[in-house]
Amino acid sequence: MLKKSVLLLAAFTLVLGFASCKKKEEAQPPQQMAPQQTPSIVMPQGGPQVTVPPAVQSSWKAVVLVVENKATGKTSDATVNIGSDYAVPGSTIKVEVVSFLPDFKMSGSEITSVSNDPNNPAAQVRVSDNGKEIFKGWLYSKYPAIHPFQNDKYGITLKKGVKK
């Protein structure tokens, strides 16, 4: 259901974007249109810069992850401090919580939190198996289907942040 909602929202956004572009083109006479320019976006080496505002750093201490054993269908909650890691019991998988943003926003080459309220909670994690990194990215509590951790044996999602 969530995937369908996300796909419908994306399709609706594209249609609106194309419709608004069409209207702008029609509003300007052809001789006054500016030449097409391709915006140049320079990403810092290694990807976008993550900035955790001081108010966020001083307010949040941990995250709650939901770990699903796909073989048994059982789930369990794991509270992991930010900057720490968690070894999934009965496996060789380790999850490191790199950072937490209660109101995730990506703009250009920066990722930050636009407020200290949990409007769009996201945790940056690294997942390794036997010491080899198998996932590095963001888990979103309200949108778990966006860039999820994918593994045949385990599922890991973000449930929420934990305040100090």
C-alpha atoms as a PDB file:
ATOM      1  CA  MET A   1       0.000   0.000   0.000  1.00  0.00           C
ATOM      2  CA  LEU A   2       2.828   2.406   0.882  1.00  0.00           C
ATOM      3  CA  LYS A   3       4.639   1.629  -2.377  1.00  0.00           C
ATOM      4  CA  LYS A   4       1.453   2.404  -4.337  1.00  0.00           C
ATOM      5  CA  SER A   5       1.040   5.697  -2.466  1.00  0.00           C
ATOM      6  CA  VAL A   6       4.650   6.689  -3.114  1.00  0.00           C
ATOM      7  CA  LEU A   7       4.336   5.771  -6.808  1.00  0.00           C
ATOM      8  CA  LEU A   8       1.070   7.697  -7.149  1.00  0.00           C
ATOM      9  CA  LEU A   9       2.609  10.731  -5.447  1.00  0.00           C
ATOM     10  CA  ALA A  10       5.647  10.568  -7.735  1.00  0.00           C
ATOM     11  CA  ALA A  11       3.460  10.260 -10.840  1.00  0.00           C
ATOM     12  CA  PHE A  12       1.266  13.148  -9.710  1.00  0.00           C
ATOM     13  CA  THR A  13       4.356  15.301  -9.064  1.00  0.00           C
ATOM     14  CA  LEU A  14       5.723  14.540 -12.530  1.00  0.00           C
ATOM     15  CA  VAL A  15       2.415  15.400 -14.188  1.00  0.00           C
ATOM     16  CA  LEU A  16       2.224  18.691 -12.309  1.00  0.00           C
ATOM     17  CA  GLY A  17       5.843  19.460 -13.172  1.00  0.00           C
ATOM     18  CA  PHE A  18       5.277  18.827 -16.871  1.00  0.00           C
ATOM     19  CA  ALA A  19       2.061  20.831 -16.818  1.00  0.00           C
ATOM     20  CA  SER A  20       3.729  23.821 -15.163  1.00  0.00           C
ATOM     21  CA  CYS A  21       6.664  23.650 -17.616  1.00  0.00           C
ATOM     22  CA  LYS A  22       4.221  23.634 -20.522  1.00  0.00           C
ATOM     23  CA  LYS A  23       2.413  26.706 -19.179  1.00  0.00           C
ATOM     24  CA  LYS A  24       5.709  28.618 -18.778  1.00  0.00           C
ATOM     25  CA  GLU A  25       6.720  27.832 -22.339  1.00  0.00           C
ATOM     26  CA  GLU A  26       3.372  29.000 -23.672  1.00  0.00           C
ATOM     27  CA  ALA A  27       3.509  32.219 -21.654  1.00  0.00           C
ATOM     28  CA  GLN A  28       6.809  33.370 -23.216  1.00  0.00           C
ATOM     29  CA  PRO A  29       7.141  34.281 -26.864  1.00  0.00           C
ATOM     30  CA  PRO A  30       9.765  32.070 -28.550  1.00  0.00           C
ATOM     31  CA  GLN A  31      12.150  34.975 -29.257  1.00  0.00           C
ATOM     32  CA  GLN A  32      12.308  35.883 -25.520  1.00  0.00           C
ATOM     33  CA  MET A  33      13.047  32.408 -24.198  1.00  0.00           C
ATOM     34  CA  ALA A  34      16.418  31.972 -22.565  1.00  0.00           C
ATOM     35  CA  PRO A  35      18.651  29.260 -23.991  1.00  0.00           C
ATOM     36  CA  GLN A  36      18.406  25.913 -22.212  1.00  0.00           C
ATOM     37  CA  GLN A  37      20.990  25.637 -19.469  1.00  0.00           C
ATOM     38  CA  THR A  38      21.937  22.489 -17.677  1.00  0.00           C
ATOM     39  CA  PRO A  39      22.455  23.186 -13.986  1.00  0.00           C
ATOM     40  CA  SER A  40      25.793  22.005 -12.722  1.00  0.00           C
ATOM     41  CA  ILE A  41      25.605  20.317  -9.367  1.00  0.00           C
ATOM     42  CA  VAL A  42      28.939  19.594  -7.815  1.00  0.00           C
ATOM     43  CA  MET A  43      28.689  16.951  -5.126  1.00  0.00           C
ATOM     44  CA  PRO A  44      31.471  16.843  -2.563  1.00  0.00           C
ATOM     45  CA  GLN A  45      33.746  13.850  -2.857  1.00  0.00           C
ATOM     46  CA  GLY A  46      32.123  10.934  -1.040  1.00  0.00           C
ATOM     47  CA  GLY A  47      28.549  12.203  -1.440  1.00  0.00           C
ATOM     48  CA  PRO A  48      26.438  14.856   0.247  1.00  0.00           C
ATOM     49  CA  GLN A  49      27.618  16.563   3.432  1.00  0.00           C
ATOM     50  CA  VAL A  50      25.641  15.525   6.524  1.00  0.00           C
ATOM     51  CA  THR A  51      25.144  18.368   8.995  1.00  0.00           C
ATOM     52  CA  VAL A  52      23.612  17.550  12.359  1.00  0.00           C
ATOM     53  CA  PRO A  53      22.487  20.819  13.999  1.00  0.00           C
ATOM     54  CA  PRO A  54      23.698  21.363  17.594  1.00  0.00           C
ATOM     55  CA  ALA A  55      20.108  21.358  18.918  1.00  0.00           C
ATOM     56  CA  VAL A  56      19.577  17.918  17.374  1.00  0.00           C
ATOM     57  CA  GLN A  57      22.878  16.583  18.736  1.00  0.00           C
ATOM     58  CA  SER A  58      22.005  17.738  22.238  1.00  0.00           C
ATOM     59  CA  SER A  59      18.436  16.369  22.157  1.00  0.00           C
ATOM     60  CA  TRP A  60      18.653  12.850  20.681  1.00  0.00           C
ATOM     61  CA  LYS A  61      20.688   9.970  22.104  1.00  0.00           C
ATOM     62  CA  ALA A  62      19.573   6.807  20.300  1.00  0.00           C
ATOM     63  CA  VAL A  63      17.275   5.197  17.760  1.00  0.00           C
ATOM     64  CA  VAL A  64      14.969   2.212  17.941  1.00  0.00           C
ATOM     65  CA  LEU A  65      15.504  -0.223  15.089  1.00  0.00           C
ATOM     66  CA  VAL A  66      13.112  -3.029  14.218  1.00  0.00           C
ATOM     67  CA  VAL A  67      15.004  -6.179  13.276  1.00  0.00           C
ATOM     68  CA  GLU A  68      13.068  -8.854  11.407  1.00  0.00           C
ATOM     69  CA  ASN A  69      14.237 -12.435  11.089  1.00  0.00           C
ATOM     70  CA  LYS A  70      12.749 -13.334   7.699  1.00  0.00           C
ATOM     71  CA  ALA A  71      13.079 -17.091   8.289  1.00  0.00           C
ATOM     72  CA  THR A  72      10.956 -17.050  11.445  1.00  0.00           C
ATOM     73  CA  GLY A  73       8.946 -13.890  10.765  1.00  0.00           C
ATOM     74  CA  LYS A  74       9.762 -12.632  14.258  1.00  0.00           C
ATOM     75  CA  THR A  75      10.654  -9.010  14.915  1.00  0.00           C
ATOM     76  CA  SER A  76      12.393  -7.364  17.824  1.00  0.00           C
ATOM     77  CA  ASP A  77      13.188  -3.787  18.779  1.00  0.00           C
ATOM     78  CA  ALA A  78      16.787  -2.770  19.397  1.00  0.00           C
ATOM     79  CA  THR A  79      17.687   0.563  20.977  1.00  0.00           C
ATOM     80  CA  VAL A  80      21.063   1.658  19.621  1.00  0.00           C
ATOM     81  CA  ASN A  81      22.943   4.757  20.743  1.00  0.00           C
ATOM     82  CA  ILE A  82      23.938   7.184  17.991  1.00  0.00           C
ATOM     83  CA  GLY A  83      27.582   6.518  17.168  1.00  0.00           C
ATOM     84  CA  SER A  84      27.351   2.920  18.419  1.00  0.00           C
ATOM     85  CA  ASP A  85      26.678  -0.412  16.806  1.00  0.00           C
ATOM     86  CA  TYR A  86      24.394  -3.367  17.397  1.00  0.00           C
ATOM     87  CA  ALA A  87      25.139  -7.020  16.681  1.00  0.00           C
ATOM     88  CA  VAL A  88      22.044  -8.844  15.443  1.00  0.00           C
ATOM     89  CA  PRO A  89      21.698 -11.920  17.713  1.00  0.00           C
ATOM     90  CA  GLY A  90      22.333 -15.265  16.029  1.00  0.00           C
ATOM     91  CA  SER A  91      23.964 -13.662  12.993  1.00  0.00           C
ATOM     92  CA  THR A  92      27.169 -12.077  11.769  1.00  0.00           C
ATOM     93  CA  ILE A  93      25.352  -8.814  10.977  1.00  0.00           C
ATOM     94  CA  LYS A  94      26.291  -5.597  12.739  1.00  0.00           C
ATOM     95  CA  VAL A  95      24.426  -2.266  12.417  1.00  0.00           C
ATOM     96  CA  GLU A  96      26.240   0.990  13.148  1.00  0.00           C
ATOM     97  CA  VAL A  97      24.069   4.079  13.722  1.00  0.00           C
ATOM     98  CA  VAL A  98      26.115   6.936  12.260  1.00  0.00           C
ATOM     99  CA  SER A  99      23.674   9.805  12.778  1.00  0.00           C
ATOM    100  CA  PHE A 100      20.026  10.666  13.377  1.00  0.00           C
ATOM    101  CA  LEU A 101      18.008  13.527  11.925  1.00  0.00           C
ATOM    102  CA  PRO A 102      14.483  14.019  13.315  1.00  0.00           C
ATOM    103  CA  ASP A 103      13.367  16.153  10.349  1.00  0.00           C
ATOM    104  CA  PHE A 104      15.468  14.886   7.422  1.00  0.00           C
ATOM    105  CA  LYS A 105      15.938  17.196   4.448  1.00  0.00           C
ATOM    106  CA  MET A 106      18.306  16.922   1.509  1.00  0.00           C
ATOM    107  CA  SER A 107      19.027  20.102  -0.380  1.00  0.00           C
ATOM    108  CA  GLY A 108      21.709  20.180  -3.040  1.00  0.00           C
ATOM    109  CA  SER A 109      24.844  18.763  -1.516  1.00  0.00           C
ATOM    110  CA  GLU A 110      23.711  18.959   2.125  1.00  0.00           C
ATOM    111  CA  ILE A 111      21.660  16.636   4.302  1.00  0.00           C
ATOM    112  CA  THR A 112      20.403  18.101   7.561  1.00  0.00           C
ATOM    113  CA  SER A 113      17.451  18.366   9.931  1.00  0.00           C
ATOM    114  CA  VAL A 114      15.229  21.396   9.360  1.00  0.00           C
ATOM    115  CA  SER A 115      13.793  21.178  12.887  1.00  0.00           C
ATOM    116  CA  ASN A 116      14.157  19.238  16.109  1.00  0.00           C
ATOM    117  CA  ASP A 117      10.670  17.748  15.746  1.00  0.00           C
ATOM    118  CA  PRO A 118      10.270  14.152  14.479  1.00  0.00           C
ATOM    119  CA  ASN A 119       8.487  15.183  11.254  1.00  0.00           C
ATOM    120  CA  ASN A 120      10.638  13.007   8.965  1.00  0.00           C
ATOM    121  CA  PRO A 121      12.897  10.864  11.178  1.00  0.00           C
ATOM    122  CA  ALA A 122      15.879   9.259   9.459  1.00  0.00           C
ATOM    123  CA  ALA A 123      18.915   7.334  10.676  1.00  0.00           C
ATOM    124  CA  GLN A 124      22.129   7.012   8.719  1.00  0.00           C
ATOM    125  CA  VAL A 125      23.409   3.455   9.176  1.00  0.00           C
ATOM    126  CA  ARG A 126      26.165   1.134   8.024  1.00  0.00           C
ATOM    127  CA  VAL A 127      25.408  -2.573   7.994  1.00  0.00           C
ATOM    128  CA  SER A 128      28.171  -5.151   7.792  1.00  0.00           C
ATOM    129  CA  ASP A 129      28.211  -8.916   7.560  1.00  0.00           C
ATOM    130  CA  ASN A 130      31.363 -10.644   8.797  1.00  0.00           C
ATOM    131  CA  GLY A 131      33.074  -7.232   8.780  1.00  0.00           C
ATOM    132  CA  LYS A 132      32.214  -6.523   5.125  1.00  0.00           C
ATOM    133  CA  GLU A 133      29.978  -3.486   4.517  1.00  0.00           C
ATOM    134  CA  ILE A 134      26.758  -4.578   2.794  1.00  0.00           C
ATOM    135  CA  PHE A 135      24.676  -1.413   3.194  1.00  0.00           C
ATOM    136  CA  LYS A 136      25.341   2.254   3.809  1.00  0.00           C
ATOM    137  CA  GLY A 137      22.439   4.660   3.706  1.00  0.00           C
ATOM    138  CA  TRP A 138      19.422   6.151   5.384  1.00  0.00           C
ATOM    139  CA  LEU A 139      16.475   4.423   7.024  1.00  0.00           C
ATOM    140  CA  TYR A 140      13.266   6.480   7.210  1.00  0.00           C
ATOM    141  CA  SER A 141      10.668   5.688   9.852  1.00  0.00           C
ATOM    142  CA  LYS A 142       7.721   7.185   7.946  1.00  0.00           C
ATOM    143  CA  TYR A 143       8.868   5.869   4.550  1.00  0.00           C
ATOM    144  CA  PRO A 144      10.551   2.495   5.162  1.00  0.00           C
ATOM    145  CA  ALA A 145      10.217   1.490   1.492  1.00  0.00           C
ATOM    146  CA  ILE A 146      12.506   4.306   0.314  1.00  0.00           C
ATOM    147  CA  HIS A 147      16.032   2.926  -0.131  1.00  0.00           C
ATOM    148  CA  PRO A 148      15.468   0.067   2.356  1.00  0.00           C
ATOM    149  CA  PHE A 149      18.088  -2.277   3.724  1.00  0.00           C
ATOM    150  CA  GLN A 150      17.701  -5.441   1.643  1.00  0.00           C
ATOM    151  CA  ASN A 151      18.885  -8.827   2.794  1.00  0.00           C
ATOM    152  CA  ASP A 152      17.602 -12.378   2.301  1.00  0.00           C
ATOM    153  CA  LYS A 153      17.687 -13.224   6.015  1.00  0.00           C
ATOM    154  CA  TYR A 154      17.058  -9.957   7.903  1.00  0.00           C
ATOM    155  CA  GLY A 155      15.095  -6.755   7.589  1.00  0.00           C
ATOM    156  CA  ILE A 156      16.111  -3.619   9.467  1.00  0.00           C
ATOM    157  CA  THR A 157      13.904  -0.547   9.687  1.00  0.00           C
ATOM    158  CA  LEU A 158      13.854   2.624  11.765  1.00  0.00           C
ATOM    159  CA  LYS A 159      11.054   2.822  14.303  1.00  0.00           C
ATOM    160  CA  LYS A 160      11.878   6.142  16.009  1.00  0.00           C
ATOM    161  CA  GLY A 161      14.463   8.349  17.664  1.00  0.00           C
ATOM    162  CA  VAL A 162      15.041   8.395  21.413  1.00  0.00           C
ATOM    163  CA  LYS A 163      15.434  11.746  23.181  1.00  0.00           C
ATOM    164  CA  LYS A 164      17.986  12.332  25.934  1.00  0.00           C
END
